[in-house]
Amino acid sequence: MPSILERLSAHREIEYSAALPVVKGRVTRLIGLTLEAVGLKVAVGDYCEVVGGDGSSVEAEVVGFAGDRIYLMPLDAIEGLEPGAEVVPMRGAGLVPVGFGLLGRVVNGVGRPIDGKGPLNHDQLVGLSGEVINPLSRHPIDSTLDVGIRAINTMLTVGKGQRLGLFAGSGVGKSVLLGMMTRGTEAEITVVGLIGERGREVKEFIDHSLGPEGLARSVVVASPADDSPLMRLRAAQLCTRIAEYFRAQGKNVLLLMDSLTRYAQAQREIALAVGEPPATKGYPPSVFAKLPKLVERAGNGKTGGGSITAFYTVLTEGDDQQDPVADSARAILDGHIVLSRRLAEQGHYPAIDIEASISRAMPQITDPQHFAMAMRFKQIFSKYQQNEDLISVGAYVKGSDADTDLAIDRMPVMKAFLQQRIDEAIPLGDGVQQLAMIVTDGNAGGS
């Protein structure tokens, strides 16, 4: 009968070195989601195998210690473990597969294929922590990336290597918008991280939002809501690591992570389980330390290399834009796109609130004429919003204000311009031409 390590190796397609035979430990206590063990000589971040009396086993990561007590967080369900279960340190368990053979595949947070298409054809095994790039060595954001969404391309232009947030409550079209980007982007490779989503939504995103065309040039890392918090945490790190690998090969990568909030919540569960005190609305300080470490790994590589343009969805619970995670994310990202529930309820898709959204890199990557047209569009659009109540009840008298008259005249075509069908991809150049027609004579509309 093969050993537990051999079975794990075959299951994960990763060759483990032999378990360290020198010092083994024993489980003494189970506290919530955390195992407490003694007798181990391991460091934070090391991996161990916890073996039950019936021969079952589970992999766990060392997440903390207090004196001689070691705290471990299991990756999978721990049913069947009992007091005194053996804890065996492992070598090589933190390595994950990367390579072009992952394109078109769906893996979980530890790199195991879950799509039923057989073993992965990976190029190499790497650690989850990528190379830290000196910020002075990074290539500046100086060129645009076409994402196929007219409202974003023209009004919130994205630069290669930029990192933006999609801020929205539940059910306003975040996942659909991400799927549209994967099909319409000019990026060579897309890496999608589905972190903490419902299992049903994972399959729906792959089958409908992404589709066969989008999946063919994508890698999907999925860790649904019923996974352990450590698995969800590792899934976010894994999709970032895969994107870093492709960037190192000189590729322009689009990284889509849904969602950054679930990543923060997973870290909160782990931190609270090991005794870290809550600080801001139940979130321990380590959550806000980990967010920038993850986000900063995206962006441009060294001059002459590839890029990672990243979109992170941020779930604003109760549509509260001042949620601690949303507030922290806004400060560390290069722009934010706000999806409005009010627009979604009106059937306006994508439900992008142009007035509340901004791309901080847009002034540097667009020509002055394009930027001026976008600002003019916003001015006209905002003028209508300011007087919408008066207009809707018939209290506004035409001729009172020239800009308001212009806004009333062009609002139907402007709203049509900001909307787009799910199966439609509109190139950046076409969108800019349509924008020019709207702000000059108002005769162009959505397609």
Protein backbone atom coordinates (compact mmCIF):
# COMPACT_ATOMS: atom_id res chain seq x y z
CA MET A 1 0.00 0.00 0.00
CA PRO A 2 1.49 3.42 -0.94
CA SER A 3 2.47 5.77 1.85
CA ILE A 4 0.43 8.84 2.70
CA LEU A 5 3.09 11.07 1.14
CA GLU A 6 3.03 9.03 -2.07
CA ARG A 7 -0.76 9.30 -2.23
CA LEU A 8 -0.58 13.06 -1.68
CA SER A 9 2.12 13.38 -4.33
CA ALA A 10 0.07 11.46 -6.89
CA HIS A 11 -3.03 13.48 -6.09
CA ARG A 12 -1.33 16.87 -6.34
CA GLU A 13 1.15 16.04 -9.10
CA ILE A 14 3.90 17.47 -6.91
CA GLU A 15 6.90 15.46 -5.84
CA TYR A 16 7.29 15.79 -2.12
CA SER A 17 10.58 15.21 -0.42
CA ALA A 18 10.46 12.71 2.40
CA ALA A 19 8.81 13.89 5.58
CA LEU A 20 11.28 15.15 8.15
CA PRO A 21 11.79 12.15 10.43
CA VAL A 22 13.68 13.96 13.17
CA VAL A 23 10.96 15.76 15.12
CA LYS A 24 7.29 14.85 15.03
CA GLY A 25 4.51 16.37 17.09
CA ARG A 26 1.11 15.56 18.52
CA VAL A 27 -2.21 17.36 18.37
CA THR A 28 -3.24 18.48 21.83
CA ARG A 29 -6.23 20.66 21.18
CA LEU A 30 -8.70 21.81 18.52
CA ILE A 31 -9.80 25.43 18.91
CA GLY A 32 -12.37 26.46 16.34
CA LEU A 33 -10.60 26.06 13.01
CA THR A 34 -7.14 25.83 14.52
CA LEU A 35 -5.15 22.78 15.60
CA GLU A 36 -2.73 23.12 18.50
CA ALA A 37 0.28 20.82 18.56
CA VAL A 38 3.40 20.33 20.67
CA GLY A 39 6.76 18.70 20.07
CA LEU A 40 7.41 20.29 16.66
CA LYS A 41 10.40 22.24 15.37
CA VAL A 42 8.84 24.23 12.53
CA ALA A 43 8.54 27.83 11.39
CA VAL A 44 5.52 29.93 10.45
CA GLY A 45 4.61 29.08 6.86
CA ASP A 46 5.88 25.48 7.01
CA TYR A 47 3.57 22.63 6.06
CA CYS A 48 2.72 19.56 8.06
CA GLU A 49 0.68 16.42 7.58
CA VAL A 50 -1.75 15.58 10.39
CA VAL A 51 -2.41 11.82 10.51
CA GLY A 52 -5.50 10.42 12.20
CA GLY A 53 -5.78 7.09 13.96
CA ASP A 54 -7.70 5.57 11.06
CA GLY A 55 -4.94 6.45 8.60
CA SER A 56 -6.71 9.51 7.18
CA SER A 57 -4.63 12.65 6.84
CA VAL A 58 -4.96 16.35 6.19
CA GLU A 59 -2.40 18.94 5.20
CA ALA A 60 -2.03 21.99 7.45
CA GLU A 61 0.04 25.15 7.49
CA VAL A 62 1.80 26.60 10.53
CA VAL A 63 0.13 29.97 11.17
CA GLY A 64 1.45 30.86 14.62
CA PHE A 65 2.98 29.71 17.87
CA ALA A 66 3.02 30.52 21.59
CA GLY A 67 5.93 29.08 23.55
CA ASP A 68 6.20 25.43 22.60
CA ARG A 69 2.65 25.33 21.23
CA ILE A 70 2.28 25.41 17.44
CA TYR A 71 -0.93 26.56 15.75
CA LEU A 72 -1.85 24.94 12.44
CA MET A 73 -4.65 25.75 10.02
CA PRO A 74 -5.87 22.74 7.96
CA LEU A 75 -6.45 23.03 4.22
CA ASP A 76 -9.30 20.51 4.16
CA ALA A 77 -11.99 19.15 6.47
CA ILE A 78 -10.66 17.74 9.74
CA GLU A 79 -13.42 15.27 10.59
CA GLY A 80 -11.98 12.06 11.99
CA LEU A 81 -8.95 13.59 13.70
CA GLU A 82 -8.57 12.82 17.38
CA PRO A 83 -6.45 14.02 20.32
CA GLY A 84 -2.87 12.86 20.00
CA ALA A 85 -2.94 12.67 16.20
CA GLU A 86 0.57 12.61 14.76
CA VAL A 87 1.88 15.79 13.07
CA VAL A 88 4.66 15.27 10.52
CA PRO A 89 6.61 18.22 9.02
CA MET A 90 6.81 18.11 5.23
CA ARG A 91 9.24 19.42 2.64
CA GLY A 92 8.13 20.82 -0.71
CA ALA A 93 4.44 21.01 0.17
CA GLY A 94 4.34 24.75 -0.51
CA LEU A 95 5.26 24.40 -4.19
CA VAL A 96 2.64 25.06 -6.86
CA PRO A 97 2.60 24.29 -10.61
CA VAL A 98 2.93 27.06 -13.21
CA GLY A 99 3.34 27.09 -16.99
CA PHE A 100 1.55 27.52 -20.30
CA GLY A 101 0.04 24.06 -19.88
CA LEU A 102 -2.33 25.58 -17.30
CA LEU A 103 -4.16 27.61 -19.97
CA GLY A 104 -7.73 26.39 -20.31
CA ARG A 105 -7.60 24.64 -16.93
CA VAL A 106 -9.38 25.13 -13.60
CA VAL A 107 -7.45 24.45 -10.38
CA ASN A 108 -8.11 24.86 -6.68
CA GLY A 109 -6.11 26.85 -4.13
CA VAL A 110 -3.22 24.38 -3.98
CA GLY A 111 -2.93 23.84 -7.71
CA ARG A 112 -4.89 20.62 -8.04
CA PRO A 113 -6.98 20.34 -11.23
CA ILE A 114 -10.71 20.23 -10.53
CA ASP A 115 -12.01 20.31 -14.12
CA GLY A 116 -11.78 16.57 -14.82
CA LYS A 117 -9.36 17.07 -17.74
CA GLY A 118 -6.56 14.97 -16.32
CA PRO A 119 -3.14 15.90 -14.91
CA LEU A 120 -1.67 19.34 -15.36
CA ASN A 121 1.08 19.88 -17.91
CA HIS A 122 3.13 22.37 -15.90
CA ASP A 123 6.54 23.83 -16.73
CA GLN A 124 7.91 24.06 -13.20
CA LEU A 125 7.08 24.13 -9.50
CA VAL A 126 7.49 27.39 -7.63
CA GLY A 127 6.78 28.83 -4.21
CA LEU A 128 3.73 30.98 -3.59
CA SER A 129 5.80 34.06 -2.82
CA GLY A 130 6.98 35.78 -5.98
CA GLU A 131 9.99 37.99 -6.52
CA VAL A 132 9.76 41.44 -4.92
CA ILE A 133 10.37 44.04 -7.63
CA ASN A 134 12.12 47.27 -6.70
CA PRO A 135 9.53 50.00 -7.38
CA LEU A 136 12.22 52.06 -9.15
CA SER A 137 12.83 49.15 -11.54
CA ARG A 138 9.22 48.81 -12.64
CA HIS A 139 8.29 50.05 -16.08
CA PRO A 140 5.93 53.05 -15.74
CA ILE A 141 2.30 52.83 -16.83
CA ASP A 142 2.51 54.52 -20.23
CA SER A 143 0.25 52.55 -22.61
CA THR A 144 -3.42 51.60 -22.69
CA LEU A 145 -4.99 48.16 -22.36
CA ASP A 146 -8.19 47.53 -24.30
CA VAL A 147 -10.64 45.59 -22.11
CA GLY A 148 -13.49 45.54 -24.64
CA ILE A 149 -15.88 47.54 -22.40
CA ARG A 150 -16.77 50.85 -24.04
CA ALA A 151 -17.58 52.73 -20.82
CA ILE A 152 -14.27 51.70 -19.27
CA ASN A 153 -12.15 52.13 -22.40
CA THR A 154 -13.34 55.67 -23.04
CA MET A 155 -14.22 57.14 -19.64
CA LEU A 156 -11.96 55.15 -17.27
CA THR A 157 -9.13 54.16 -19.61
CA VAL A 158 -6.98 51.36 -18.22
CA GLY A 159 -3.19 51.28 -18.54
CA LYS A 160 -1.03 48.17 -18.82
CA GLY A 161 0.13 47.39 -15.32
CA GLN A 162 -2.65 49.34 -13.60
CA ARG A 163 -4.54 47.93 -10.61
CA LEU A 164 -8.21 48.84 -10.26
CA GLY A 165 -11.06 47.89 -7.96
CA LEU A 166 -14.62 47.01 -8.92
CA PHE A 167 -16.68 48.23 -5.97
CA ALA A 168 -20.22 46.93 -5.67
CA GLY A 169 -22.78 45.22 -3.50
CA SER A 170 -24.02 41.75 -4.27
CA GLY A 171 -25.97 41.04 -7.44
CA VAL A 172 -25.14 44.11 -9.55
CA GLY A 173 -23.10 42.42 -12.27
CA LYS A 174 -19.48 42.16 -11.07
CA SER A 175 -18.95 38.62 -12.34
CA VAL A 176 -20.67 39.33 -15.65
CA LEU A 177 -18.43 42.36 -16.19
CA LEU A 178 -15.33 40.27 -15.46
CA GLY A 179 -16.48 37.68 -17.96
CA MET A 180 -16.95 40.35 -20.62
CA MET A 181 -13.39 41.53 -20.00
CA THR A 182 -11.91 38.06 -20.43
CA ARG A 183 -13.53 37.75 -23.87
CA GLY A 184 -12.91 41.31 -25.05
CA THR A 185 -9.46 42.17 -23.72
CA GLU A 186 -6.35 42.50 -25.86
CA ALA A 187 -4.25 41.00 -23.05
CA GLU A 188 -2.47 37.82 -24.14
CA ILE A 189 -3.34 35.78 -21.05
CA THR A 190 -6.05 36.06 -18.41
CA VAL A 191 -5.80 34.66 -14.88
CA VAL A 192 -9.09 34.51 -12.97
CA GLY A 193 -9.33 34.00 -9.22
CA LEU A 194 -12.77 33.05 -7.87
CA ILE A 195 -12.25 33.44 -4.13
CA GLY A 196 -15.01 32.63 -1.67
CA GLU A 197 -17.81 32.55 -4.24
CA ARG A 198 -20.76 30.15 -4.11
CA GLY A 199 -19.95 26.84 -5.79
CA ARG A 200 -22.83 27.28 -8.21
CA GLU A 201 -21.44 30.64 -9.34
CA VAL A 202 -18.03 29.12 -10.08
CA LYS A 203 -19.49 26.78 -12.72
CA GLU A 204 -21.79 29.45 -14.09
CA PHE A 205 -18.90 31.88 -14.49
CA ILE A 206 -16.80 29.31 -16.35
CA ASP A 207 -19.63 28.06 -18.59
CA HIS A 208 -21.49 31.30 -19.30
CA SER A 209 -19.54 34.43 -18.30
CA LEU A 210 -16.15 33.11 -19.46
CA GLY A 211 -17.24 30.70 -22.18
CA PRO A 212 -15.01 28.37 -24.26
CA GLU A 213 -13.31 31.26 -26.05
CA GLY A 214 -12.36 33.05 -22.84
CA LEU A 215 -11.32 29.84 -21.06
CA ALA A 216 -8.94 28.84 -23.88
CA ARG A 217 -6.54 31.64 -22.99
CA SER A 218 -7.24 31.73 -19.28
CA VAL A 219 -6.26 29.99 -16.07
CA VAL A 220 -9.01 29.80 -13.44
CA VAL A 221 -8.22 29.35 -9.74
CA ALA A 222 -11.39 28.52 -7.82
CA SER A 223 -11.84 28.29 -4.07
CA PRO A 224 -15.56 28.39 -3.22
CA ALA A 225 -17.08 29.60 0.02
CA ASP A 226 -17.12 26.16 1.67
CA ASP A 227 -13.32 25.84 1.41
CA SER A 228 -11.25 26.45 4.52
CA PRO A 229 -10.06 30.04 5.05
CA LEU A 230 -6.48 28.94 4.43
CA MET A 231 -7.45 27.43 1.08
CA ARG A 232 -9.18 30.67 0.08
CA LEU A 233 -6.13 32.65 1.16
CA ARG A 234 -3.81 30.43 -0.85
CA ALA A 235 -6.07 30.60 -3.91
CA ALA A 236 -5.65 34.38 -4.04
CA GLN A 237 -1.89 33.99 -3.69
CA LEU A 238 -1.81 31.24 -6.32
CA CYS A 239 -3.59 33.20 -9.05
CA THR A 240 -1.22 36.10 -8.37
CA ARG A 241 1.76 33.74 -8.57
CA ILE A 242 0.58 32.27 -11.88
CA ALA A 243 0.17 35.79 -13.28
CA GLU A 244 3.70 36.64 -12.09
CA TYR A 245 5.07 33.63 -13.96
CA PHE A 246 3.49 34.73 -17.24
CA ARG A 247 4.68 38.31 -16.67
CA ALA A 248 8.22 36.98 -16.25
CA GLN A 249 7.84 35.38 -19.69
CA GLY A 250 7.19 38.82 -21.18
CA LYS A 251 3.40 38.43 -21.49
CA ASN A 252 0.75 41.09 -20.88
CA VAL A 253 -1.54 39.47 -18.32
CA LEU A 254 -5.03 40.45 -17.17
CA LEU A 255 -5.59 39.34 -13.57
CA LEU A 256 -9.20 39.26 -12.38
CA MET A 257 -9.81 38.46 -8.71
CA ASP A 258 -13.33 38.04 -7.38
CA SER A 259 -13.13 39.04 -4.65
CA LEU A 260 -10.56 40.92 -2.58
CA THR A 261 -13.12 41.14 0.21
CA ARG A 262 -13.30 37.32 0.55
CA TYR A 263 -9.50 37.25 0.73
CA ALA A 264 -9.62 39.77 3.60
CA GLN A 265 -12.36 37.79 5.35
CA ALA A 266 -10.32 34.58 5.08
CA GLN A 267 -7.35 36.31 6.70
CA ARG A 268 -9.67 37.67 9.40
CA GLU A 269 -10.87 34.14 10.21
CA ILE A 270 -7.31 32.88 10.49
CA ALA A 271 -6.09 35.82 12.54
CA LEU A 272 -8.98 35.64 15.00
CA ALA A 273 -8.54 31.87 15.32
CA VAL A 274 -4.93 32.27 16.48
CA GLY A 275 -5.83 34.98 18.98
CA GLU A 276 -5.13 38.26 17.16
CA PRO A 277 -7.39 40.99 18.59
CA PRO A 278 -9.94 42.64 16.28
CA ALA A 279 -9.31 46.31 15.53
CA THR A 280 -11.52 47.91 12.86
CA LYS A 281 -15.08 46.56 12.71
CA GLY A 282 -13.88 43.06 13.58
CA TYR A 283 -10.88 43.06 11.23
CA PRO A 284 -7.49 42.42 12.89
CA PRO A 285 -4.49 44.59 11.86
CA SER A 286 -2.90 41.74 9.87
CA VAL A 287 -5.73 41.98 7.31
CA PHE A 288 -4.74 45.51 6.34
CA ALA A 289 -1.08 44.51 6.25
CA LYS A 290 -1.72 41.63 3.84
CA LEU A 291 -3.89 43.56 1.37
CA PRO A 292 -1.11 45.82 0.00
CA LYS A 293 1.35 42.91 -0.05
CA LEU A 294 -0.99 41.01 -2.38
CA VAL A 295 -1.95 43.97 -4.57
CA GLU A 296 1.61 45.28 -4.96
CA ARG A 297 2.64 42.00 -6.59
CA ALA A 298 0.60 42.97 -9.65
CA GLY A 299 1.61 45.78 -11.99
CA ASN A 300 4.37 46.18 -14.56
CA GLY A 301 7.53 44.15 -14.42
CA LYS A 302 11.00 45.48 -15.08
CA THR A 303 11.51 47.58 -18.19
CA GLY A 304 11.34 45.37 -21.25
CA GLY A 305 9.31 42.70 -19.48
CA GLY A 306 5.62 41.86 -19.23
CA SER A 307 2.80 43.35 -17.20
CA ILE A 308 -0.05 42.36 -14.90
CA THR A 309 -3.13 44.57 -15.20
CA ALA A 310 -5.34 43.66 -12.27
CA PHE A 311 -9.02 44.11 -11.44
CA TYR A 312 -10.06 43.27 -7.87
CA THR A 313 -13.73 43.15 -6.99
CA VAL A 314 -14.55 44.64 -3.61
CA LEU A 315 -17.85 43.64 -2.03
CA THR A 316 -19.37 46.67 -0.32
CA GLU A 317 -21.71 45.02 2.15
CA GLY A 318 -24.99 46.89 2.36
CA ASP A 319 -23.65 49.11 -0.48
CA ASP A 320 -21.48 50.84 2.14
CA GLN A 321 -18.57 52.44 0.27
CA GLN A 322 -16.89 53.18 3.64
CA ASP A 323 -16.57 49.51 4.55
CA PRO A 324 -13.08 48.99 6.10
CA VAL A 325 -11.88 46.70 3.30
CA ALA A 326 -13.31 48.99 0.60
CA ASP A 327 -11.72 52.04 2.21
CA SER A 328 -8.34 50.32 2.48
CA ALA A 329 -8.52 48.99 -1.09
CA ARG A 330 -9.34 52.42 -2.49
CA ALA A 331 -6.14 53.79 -0.94
CA ILE A 332 -3.82 51.13 -2.42
CA LEU A 333 -5.35 50.75 -5.89
CA ASP A 334 -4.74 52.89 -8.99
CA GLY A 335 -8.41 53.62 -9.49
CA HIS A 336 -11.88 52.40 -8.66
CA ILE A 337 -14.95 51.52 -10.73
CA VAL A 338 -18.21 51.72 -8.79
CA LEU A 339 -21.17 49.60 -9.85
CA SER A 340 -24.51 51.12 -8.88
CA ARG A 341 -27.46 49.09 -7.66
CA ARG A 342 -29.77 51.90 -8.79
CA LEU A 343 -28.51 51.57 -12.37
CA ALA A 344 -28.75 47.78 -12.24
CA GLU A 345 -32.37 48.03 -11.11
CA GLN A 346 -33.06 50.26 -14.11
CA GLY A 347 -31.68 47.63 -16.48
CA HIS A 348 -28.55 49.69 -17.22
CA TYR A 349 -25.68 47.24 -17.82
CA PRO A 350 -22.86 47.37 -17.13
CA ALA A 351 -24.08 49.34 -14.11
CA ILE A 352 -21.00 51.60 -13.93
CA ASP A 353 -21.49 54.84 -12.00
CA ILE A 354 -19.32 57.13 -14.15
CA GLU A 355 -19.47 60.03 -11.68
CA ALA A 356 -18.24 57.96 -8.72
CA SER A 357 -15.51 56.13 -10.67
CA ILE A 358 -11.99 57.19 -11.58
CA SER A 359 -8.87 55.84 -13.30
CA ARG A 360 -5.84 57.56 -11.80
CA ALA A 361 -3.63 56.60 -14.74
CA MET A 362 -5.95 57.94 -17.45
CA PRO A 363 -4.42 61.45 -17.76
CA GLN A 364 -0.97 59.93 -18.44
CA ILE A 365 -1.98 57.28 -20.97
CA THR A 366 -4.56 59.04 -23.14
CA ASP A 367 -3.96 61.84 -25.63
CA PRO A 368 -5.19 65.32 -24.57
CA GLN A 369 -8.10 65.27 -27.03
CA HIS A 370 -9.46 61.95 -25.69
CA PHE A 371 -9.10 63.10 -22.09
CA ALA A 372 -10.83 66.42 -22.84
CA MET A 373 -13.75 64.62 -24.52
CA ALA A 374 -14.15 62.28 -21.53
CA MET A 375 -14.21 65.24 -19.14
CA ARG A 376 -16.76 67.03 -21.32
CA PHE A 377 -18.95 63.90 -21.37
CA LYS A 378 -18.82 63.76 -17.55
CA GLN A 379 -19.70 67.45 -17.26
CA ILE A 380 -22.78 67.08 -19.45
CA PHE A 381 -23.80 63.84 -17.72
CA SER A 382 -23.33 65.37 -14.26
CA LYS A 383 -25.37 68.44 -15.22
CA TYR A 384 -28.34 66.22 -15.99
CA GLN A 385 -27.97 64.30 -12.71
CA GLN A 386 -27.94 67.55 -10.72
CA ASN A 387 -31.24 68.67 -12.25
CA GLU A 388 -32.87 65.26 -12.67
CA ASP A 389 -35.54 65.85 -10.03
CA LEU A 390 -36.62 69.14 -11.60
CA ILE A 391 -36.62 67.61 -15.07
CA SER A 392 -38.60 64.52 -14.07
CA VAL A 393 -41.44 66.54 -12.50
CA GLY A 394 -41.52 69.06 -15.33
CA ALA A 395 -40.35 71.96 -13.16
CA TYR A 396 -37.35 72.81 -15.35
CA VAL A 397 -38.03 75.47 -17.96
CA LYS A 398 -36.11 74.94 -21.17
CA GLY A 399 -33.79 77.84 -21.90
CA SER A 400 -32.94 78.49 -18.25
CA ASP A 401 -29.46 76.99 -18.62
CA ALA A 402 -27.64 76.12 -21.85
CA ASP A 403 -25.67 73.20 -20.38
CA THR A 404 -28.81 71.68 -18.87
CA ASP A 405 -30.61 72.03 -22.20
CA LEU A 406 -27.70 70.23 -23.88
CA ALA A 407 -27.76 67.49 -21.24
CA ILE A 408 -31.51 66.91 -21.71
CA ASP A 409 -31.05 66.69 -25.46
CA ARG A 410 -28.14 64.24 -25.35
CA MET A 411 -28.97 62.13 -22.33
CA PRO A 412 -30.68 59.26 -24.24
CA VAL A 413 -27.68 58.76 -26.52
CA MET A 414 -25.24 59.13 -23.59
CA LYS A 415 -27.03 56.44 -21.60
CA ALA A 416 -27.01 54.16 -24.63
CA PHE A 417 -23.28 54.82 -25.05
CA LEU A 418 -22.58 53.65 -21.48
CA GLN A 419 -24.48 50.40 -21.96
CA GLN A 420 -23.27 47.28 -23.73
CA ARG A 421 -24.53 43.79 -24.47
CA ILE A 422 -22.97 40.88 -22.62
CA ASP A 423 -21.80 39.21 -25.83
CA GLU A 424 -20.36 42.41 -27.28
CA ALA A 425 -16.73 43.59 -27.31
CA ILE A 426 -16.08 47.16 -28.47
CA PRO A 427 -12.47 48.12 -29.31
CA LEU A 428 -10.94 51.20 -27.71
CA GLY A 429 -10.57 53.05 -31.02
CA ASP A 430 -14.23 52.57 -31.95
CA GLY A 431 -15.35 53.75 -28.53
CA VAL A 432 -13.28 56.94 -28.76
CA GLN A 433 -14.75 57.73 -32.18
CA GLN A 434 -18.29 57.30 -30.82
CA LEU A 435 -17.41 59.47 -27.81
CA ALA A 436 -16.20 62.24 -30.14
CA MET A 437 -19.50 62.21 -32.03
CA ILE A 438 -21.53 62.45 -28.80
CA VAL A 439 -19.69 65.42 -27.29
CA THR A 440 -19.68 67.30 -30.61
CA ASP A 441 -23.11 66.78 -32.19
CA GLY A 442 -24.87 64.07 -30.16
CA ASN A 443 -25.75 61.93 -33.15
CA ALA A 444 -23.84 58.77 -32.14
CA GLY A 445 -25.19 56.18 -29.80
CA GLY A 446 -24.63 52.73 -28.44
CA SER A 447 -24.41 49.87 -30.84
